[in-house]
Amino acid sequence: MIKEAGSSIRNKTGSWRTFRPIVTDKCIGCSICIWYCPENCIRIVEKDGKKKAAVNYEHCKGCLLCKGQCPSKAIESEKETSK
């Protein structure tokens, strides 16, 4: 079966991830990370009156495309711990 981009929302893929993106307080809520996420795992949420990106780790593959495209360098990465 061939899976299209964004299919991890229907099929959890986070269990084999090596690195996870971490959204820091530098996030300005610009939504650029959403445009580049191939699995549609990022949403903008309101936190403490400010808009900020939030990652759904159950579906994130850890490709870190979001990190590379973030204009405010607000996304860092950390090595995934064993589950």
N, C-alpha and C. Protein backbone atom coordinates (compact mmCIF):
# COMPACT_ATOMS: atom_id res chain seq x y z
N MET A 1 0.83 -1.17 0.00
CA MET A 1 0.00 0.00 0.00
C MET A 1 0.89 1.24 0.00
N ILE A 2 0.60 2.20 -0.87
CA ILE A 2 1.34 3.45 -0.95
C ILE A 2 0.64 4.47 -0.06
N LYS A 3 1.42 5.16 0.76
CA LYS A 3 0.87 6.17 1.65
C LYS A 3 1.24 7.56 1.15
N GLU A 4 0.28 8.45 1.13
CA GLU A 4 0.51 9.82 0.67
C GLU A 4 1.05 10.67 1.81
N ALA A 5 1.58 11.85 1.45
CA ALA A 5 2.07 12.78 2.47
C ALA A 5 0.96 13.11 3.44
N GLY A 6 1.32 13.23 4.68
CA GLY A 6 0.34 13.54 5.71
C GLY A 6 -0.41 12.33 6.24
N SER A 7 -0.05 11.14 5.77
CA SER A 7 -0.81 9.95 6.17
C SER A 7 -0.52 9.50 7.59
N SER A 8 0.50 10.06 8.24
CA SER A 8 0.77 9.61 9.60
C SER A 8 -0.29 10.11 10.58
N ILE A 9 -1.10 11.07 10.18
CA ILE A 9 -2.21 11.49 11.03
C ILE A 9 -3.18 10.32 11.17
N ARG A 10 -3.30 9.52 10.14
CA ARG A 10 -4.14 8.32 10.21
C ARG A 10 -3.35 7.11 10.70
N ASN A 11 -2.04 7.13 10.50
CA ASN A 11 -1.18 6.00 10.85
C ASN A 11 -0.04 6.49 11.72
N LYS A 12 -0.09 6.21 12.99
CA LYS A 12 0.95 6.71 13.91
C LYS A 12 2.32 6.20 13.49
N THR A 13 3.27 7.12 13.43
CA THR A 13 4.63 6.75 13.01
C THR A 13 5.69 7.22 13.99
N GLY A 14 5.33 7.80 15.09
CA GLY A 14 6.29 8.38 16.01
C GLY A 14 7.13 7.40 16.78
N SER A 15 6.79 6.14 16.79
CA SER A 15 7.51 5.17 17.64
C SER A 15 8.94 4.90 17.18
N TRP A 16 9.27 5.18 15.94
CA TRP A 16 10.62 4.91 15.44
C TRP A 16 11.43 6.18 15.23
N ARG A 17 10.95 7.30 15.70
CA ARG A 17 11.62 8.59 15.52
C ARG A 17 12.97 8.60 16.27
N THR A 18 14.00 9.21 15.68
CA THR A 18 15.31 9.33 16.31
C THR A 18 15.47 10.67 17.03
N PHE A 19 14.99 11.74 16.40
CA PHE A 19 15.03 13.08 16.99
C PHE A 19 13.63 13.67 17.00
N ARG A 20 13.37 14.52 17.98
CA ARG A 20 12.07 15.19 18.04
C ARG A 20 12.28 16.69 18.01
N PRO A 21 11.39 17.43 17.32
CA PRO A 21 11.48 18.88 17.33
C PRO A 21 10.91 19.44 18.63
N ILE A 22 11.57 20.45 19.17
CA ILE A 22 11.13 21.11 20.39
C ILE A 22 10.90 22.59 20.06
N VAL A 23 9.68 23.05 20.24
CA VAL A 23 9.35 24.45 19.97
C VAL A 23 9.68 25.27 21.22
N THR A 24 10.54 26.27 21.05
CA THR A 24 10.98 27.10 22.18
C THR A 24 10.13 28.37 22.29
N ASP A 25 10.43 29.17 23.30
CA ASP A 25 9.70 30.41 23.51
C ASP A 25 9.99 31.46 22.45
N LYS A 26 10.96 31.22 21.58
CA LYS A 26 11.25 32.15 20.49
C LYS A 26 10.20 32.10 19.39
N CYS A 27 9.30 31.12 19.45
CA CYS A 27 8.28 30.94 18.41
C CYS A 27 7.39 32.18 18.32
N ILE A 28 7.19 32.67 17.10
CA ILE A 28 6.36 33.84 16.87
C ILE A 28 5.01 33.48 16.26
N GLY A 29 4.75 32.18 16.09
CA GLY A 29 3.45 31.74 15.56
C GLY A 29 3.23 32.08 14.10
N CYS A 30 4.28 32.11 13.31
CA CYS A 30 4.18 32.52 11.90
C CYS A 30 3.58 31.45 10.99
N SER A 31 3.53 30.21 11.41
CA SER A 31 2.93 29.09 10.68
C SER A 31 3.80 28.51 9.55
N ILE A 32 4.99 29.01 9.36
CA ILE A 32 5.84 28.49 8.27
C ILE A 32 6.15 27.01 8.49
N CYS A 33 6.35 26.60 9.74
CA CYS A 33 6.63 25.20 10.03
C CYS A 33 5.49 24.29 9.56
N ILE A 34 4.27 24.78 9.66
CA ILE A 34 3.11 24.00 9.21
C ILE A 34 3.19 23.73 7.73
N TRP A 35 3.59 24.72 6.95
CA TRP A 35 3.67 24.57 5.49
C TRP A 35 4.66 23.50 5.08
N TYR A 36 5.74 23.33 5.86
CA TYR A 36 6.79 22.39 5.49
C TYR A 36 6.66 21.01 6.12
N CYS A 37 5.81 20.85 7.10
CA CYS A 37 5.67 19.54 7.75
C CYS A 37 4.99 18.56 6.79
N PRO A 38 5.69 17.50 6.37
CA PRO A 38 5.11 16.56 5.41
C PRO A 38 4.01 15.68 6.02
N GLU A 39 3.92 15.65 7.32
CA GLU A 39 2.94 14.79 7.98
C GLU A 39 1.80 15.56 8.65
N ASN A 40 1.80 16.89 8.49
CA ASN A 40 0.71 17.71 9.02
C ASN A 40 0.57 17.53 10.53
N CYS A 41 1.70 17.51 11.24
CA CYS A 41 1.73 17.25 12.68
C CYS A 41 1.82 18.51 13.53
N ILE A 42 1.86 19.68 12.92
CA ILE A 42 2.05 20.91 13.67
C ILE A 42 0.80 21.78 13.56
N ARG A 43 0.44 22.35 14.66
CA ARG A 43 -0.70 23.27 14.73
C ARG A 43 -0.24 24.53 15.47
N ILE A 44 -0.92 25.63 15.23
CA ILE A 44 -0.68 26.85 15.99
C ILE A 44 -1.74 26.90 17.08
N VAL A 45 -1.28 27.05 18.31
CA VAL A 45 -2.18 27.11 19.46
C VAL A 45 -1.92 28.42 20.22
N GLU A 46 -2.88 28.82 21.01
CA GLU A 46 -2.68 29.99 21.84
C GLU A 46 -2.23 29.54 23.22
N LYS A 47 -1.11 30.10 23.66
CA LYS A 47 -0.55 29.75 24.96
C LYS A 47 -0.13 31.03 25.66
N ASP A 48 -0.67 31.29 26.82
CA ASP A 48 -0.37 32.51 27.58
C ASP A 48 -0.64 33.76 26.75
N GLY A 49 -1.70 33.73 25.95
CA GLY A 49 -2.08 34.88 25.15
C GLY A 49 -1.27 35.08 23.88
N LYS A 50 -0.36 34.15 23.59
CA LYS A 50 0.48 34.25 22.39
C LYS A 50 0.28 33.01 21.53
N LYS A 51 0.38 33.18 20.22
CA LYS A 51 0.28 32.05 19.31
C LYS A 51 1.64 31.36 19.23
N LYS A 52 1.60 30.03 19.23
CA LYS A 52 2.84 29.25 19.24
C LYS A 52 2.59 27.91 18.56
N ALA A 53 3.60 27.40 17.89
CA ALA A 53 3.49 26.09 17.24
C ALA A 53 3.48 24.99 18.29
N ALA A 54 2.72 23.94 18.01
CA ALA A 54 2.67 22.76 18.88
C ALA A 54 2.78 21.53 18.00
N VAL A 55 3.62 20.59 18.40
CA VAL A 55 3.87 19.38 17.61
C VAL A 55 3.10 18.21 18.21
N ASN A 56 2.43 17.45 17.36
CA ASN A 56 1.77 16.22 17.78
C ASN A 56 2.81 15.10 17.67
N TYR A 57 3.39 14.71 18.80
CA TYR A 57 4.48 13.73 18.78
C TYR A 57 4.02 12.31 18.49
N GLU A 58 2.76 12.03 18.58
CA GLU A 58 2.29 10.68 18.24
C GLU A 58 2.42 10.42 16.74
N HIS A 59 2.48 11.49 15.95
CA HIS A 59 2.52 11.34 14.50
C HIS A 59 3.77 11.92 13.85
N CYS A 60 4.58 12.64 14.60
CA CYS A 60 5.79 13.26 14.06
C CYS A 60 6.84 12.20 13.73
N LYS A 61 7.40 12.28 12.51
CA LYS A 61 8.45 11.34 12.10
C LYS A 61 9.84 11.79 12.55
N GLY A 62 9.97 13.04 12.93
CA GLY A 62 11.27 13.55 13.34
C GLY A 62 12.15 13.97 12.18
N CYS A 63 11.55 14.35 11.06
CA CYS A 63 12.34 14.74 9.89
C CYS A 63 13.04 16.09 10.07
N LEU A 64 12.50 16.91 10.97
CA LEU A 64 13.05 18.22 11.32
C LEU A 64 13.05 19.23 10.18
N LEU A 65 12.20 19.02 9.17
CA LEU A 65 12.05 20.03 8.13
C LEU A 65 11.56 21.34 8.74
N CYS A 66 10.73 21.25 9.75
CA CYS A 66 10.21 22.44 10.43
C CYS A 66 11.36 23.26 11.02
N LYS A 67 12.31 22.59 11.61
CA LYS A 67 13.46 23.26 12.23
C LYS A 67 14.26 24.04 11.19
N GLY A 68 14.49 23.43 10.06
CA GLY A 68 15.27 24.07 9.00
C GLY A 68 14.60 25.27 8.37
N GLN A 69 13.28 25.34 8.44
CA GLN A 69 12.56 26.42 7.80
C GLN A 69 12.14 27.54 8.74
N CYS A 70 12.30 27.35 10.03
CA CYS A 70 11.83 28.33 11.02
C CYS A 70 12.65 29.62 10.92
N PRO A 71 12.00 30.76 10.59
CA PRO A 71 12.75 32.01 10.43
C PRO A 71 13.24 32.59 11.76
N SER A 72 12.61 32.22 12.86
CA SER A 72 13.04 32.76 14.16
C SER A 72 13.92 31.77 14.93
N LYS A 73 14.29 30.67 14.27
CA LYS A 73 15.14 29.64 14.90
C LYS A 73 14.56 29.18 16.24
N ALA A 74 13.24 29.02 16.26
CA ALA A 74 12.53 28.67 17.49
C ALA A 74 12.37 27.17 17.69
N ILE A 75 12.81 26.38 16.72
CA ILE A 75 12.66 24.93 16.84
C ILE A 75 14.03 24.30 17.02
N GLU A 76 14.18 23.62 18.12
CA GLU A 76 15.42 22.88 18.41
C GLU A 76 15.09 21.40 18.30
N SER A 77 16.10 20.57 18.46
CA SER A 77 15.85 19.12 18.41
C SER A 77 16.53 18.45 19.58
N GLU A 78 15.96 17.33 19.98
CA GLU A 78 16.58 16.53 21.02
C GLU A 78 16.47 15.07 20.62
N LYS A 79 17.43 14.29 21.07
CA LYS A 79 17.43 12.87 20.76
C LYS A 79 16.26 12.21 21.48
N GLU A 80 15.58 11.36 20.76
CA GLU A 80 14.43 10.65 21.31
C GLU A 80 14.90 9.66 22.37
N THR A 81 14.21 9.61 23.47
CA THR A 81 14.53 8.64 24.50
C THR A 81 13.75 7.36 24.21
N SER A 82 14.23 6.25 24.68
CA SER A 82 13.54 4.97 24.43
C SER A 82 12.21 4.98 25.16
N LYS A 83 11.23 4.35 24.54
CA LYS A 83 9.87 4.37 25.06
C LYS A 83 9.53 3.11 25.80
